[in-house]
Amino acid sequence: FIACGVPPWREYVKTTGIVGTPLLEIHTNFYKAVTYAQTIEVHTSIEEWKAKTFKHRHVIRRGDEVVCEGTEVRTFVRRHPDDPDRFQSMPIPGDIRALCA
């Protein structure tokens, strides 16, 4: 999100109330082993937007070789208005969608 121009959540919470995007679901396929001291690259994109959730796609490479890929579903949350110890899912702001398109 930062690469797309979305401010860090600690800043964004001050203006929008959004405290983050917790993980709801994850699927991963591992193809090759990676060990310490090896350099990898993580390529992340947003594969799908829904009203309150989005799906990240991650492709992890070691050079030209894909070693792992997967998806994760996340939701935007704010503090629940009746109980600040709980979170409440919320619609994804249009400005974030626009920045990450």
Protein backbone atom coordinates (compact mmCIF):
# COMPACT_ATOMS: atom_id res chain seq x y z
CA PHE A 1 0.00 0.00 0.00
CA ILE A 2 2.81 2.42 0.79
CA ALA A 3 4.25 1.87 -2.72
CA CYS A 4 0.83 2.90 -4.11
CA GLY A 5 0.80 6.10 -2.03
CA VAL A 6 -1.44 4.97 0.85
CA PRO A 7 -0.11 6.43 4.12
CA PRO A 8 0.96 4.05 6.92
CA TRP A 9 -2.02 2.91 9.03
CA ARG A 10 -0.74 4.82 12.08
CA GLU A 11 -1.19 8.02 10.03
CA TYR A 12 -4.32 6.96 8.15
CA VAL A 13 -6.18 6.06 11.36
CA LYS A 14 -6.10 9.73 12.38
CA THR A 15 -8.17 10.81 9.37
CA THR A 16 -10.24 7.71 8.49
CA GLY A 17 -10.41 5.53 11.58
CA ILE A 18 -8.96 2.61 9.63
CA VAL A 19 -6.66 0.67 11.95
CA GLY A 20 -5.50 -1.91 9.41
CA THR A 21 -6.32 -4.88 7.21
CA PRO A 22 -6.37 -8.12 9.21
CA LEU A 23 -5.90 -11.44 7.49
CA LEU A 24 -9.06 -13.52 6.97
CA GLU A 25 -7.90 -16.33 4.70
CA ILE A 26 -4.65 -17.59 3.17
CA HIS A 27 -3.71 -20.13 0.50
CA THR A 28 -0.10 -20.93 -0.36
CA ASN A 29 1.69 -23.29 -2.74
CA PHE A 30 5.37 -24.04 -2.12
CA TYR A 31 7.42 -25.28 -5.08
CA LYS A 32 11.08 -24.96 -4.10
CA ALA A 33 12.97 -24.73 -0.83
CA VAL A 34 14.59 -21.46 0.22
CA THR A 35 17.24 -21.23 2.92
CA TYR A 36 18.90 -18.49 4.93
CA ALA A 37 21.22 -16.14 3.05
CA GLN A 38 19.38 -16.65 -0.25
CA THR A 39 17.92 -13.54 -1.83
CA ILE A 40 14.24 -13.65 -2.76
CA GLU A 41 11.83 -11.11 -4.22
CA VAL A 42 8.19 -10.83 -3.20
CA HIS A 43 5.87 -9.50 -5.90
CA THR A 44 2.47 -8.46 -4.54
CA SER A 45 -0.62 -7.28 -6.38
CA ILE A 46 -4.30 -6.89 -5.63
CA GLU A 47 -6.14 -9.56 -7.57
CA GLU A 48 -9.68 -8.70 -6.56
CA TRP A 49 -11.64 -5.93 -4.81
CA LYS A 50 -15.00 -6.58 -3.14
CA ALA A 51 -17.12 -4.24 -1.01
CA LYS A 52 -15.28 -4.93 2.27
CA THR A 53 -12.51 -7.37 1.33
CA PHE A 54 -9.68 -7.64 -1.14
CA LYS A 55 -7.43 -10.45 -2.32
CA HIS A 56 -3.66 -10.05 -2.46
CA ARG A 57 -1.64 -12.26 -4.78
CA HIS A 58 1.98 -12.93 -3.83
CA VAL A 59 4.61 -14.49 -6.09
CA ILE A 60 7.96 -15.20 -4.42
CA ARG A 61 10.94 -15.58 -6.74
CA ARG A 62 14.58 -16.52 -6.39
CA GLY A 63 16.00 -15.06 -9.57
CA ASP A 64 13.77 -16.24 -12.43
CA GLU A 65 12.46 -19.19 -10.43
CA VAL A 66 9.05 -19.10 -8.71
CA VAL A 67 9.55 -20.74 -5.32
CA CYS A 68 6.17 -19.96 -3.77
CA GLU A 69 2.90 -18.26 -4.61
CA GLY A 70 -0.32 -17.64 -2.83
CA THR A 71 -3.27 -15.45 -2.06
CA GLU A 72 -4.65 -13.84 1.05
CA VAL A 73 -8.01 -12.23 1.74
CA ARG A 74 -8.07 -9.19 4.01
CA THR A 75 -10.63 -6.68 5.21
CA PHE A 76 -10.41 -3.05 6.26
CA VAL A 77 -11.34 -2.49 9.91
CA ARG A 78 -11.98 0.33 12.34
CA ARG A 79 -12.71 0.25 16.07
CA HIS A 80 -16.25 -0.85 16.84
CA PRO A 81 -18.31 2.21 17.94
CA ASP A 82 -19.87 0.35 20.90
CA ASP A 83 -16.74 -1.48 22.09
CA PRO A 84 -13.27 -0.05 21.31
CA ASP A 85 -11.68 -3.43 22.12
CA ARG A 86 -13.39 -4.92 19.05
CA PHE A 87 -12.94 -4.25 15.35
CA GLN A 88 -15.61 -3.67 12.73
CA SER A 89 -15.23 -4.45 9.04
CA MET A 90 -15.93 -1.50 6.78
CA PRO A 91 -16.30 -0.68 3.07
CA ILE A 92 -13.02 -0.16 1.27
CA PRO A 93 -12.47 3.57 0.73
CA GLY A 94 -12.58 4.68 -2.88
CA ASP A 95 -9.37 6.66 -2.57
CA ILE A 96 -7.44 3.52 -1.59
CA ARG A 97 -8.89 1.58 -4.52
CA ALA A 98 -7.95 4.43 -6.85
CA LEU A 99 -4.38 4.63 -5.54
CA CYS A 100 -3.90 0.86 -5.88
CA ALA A 101 -5.52 0.43 -9.31
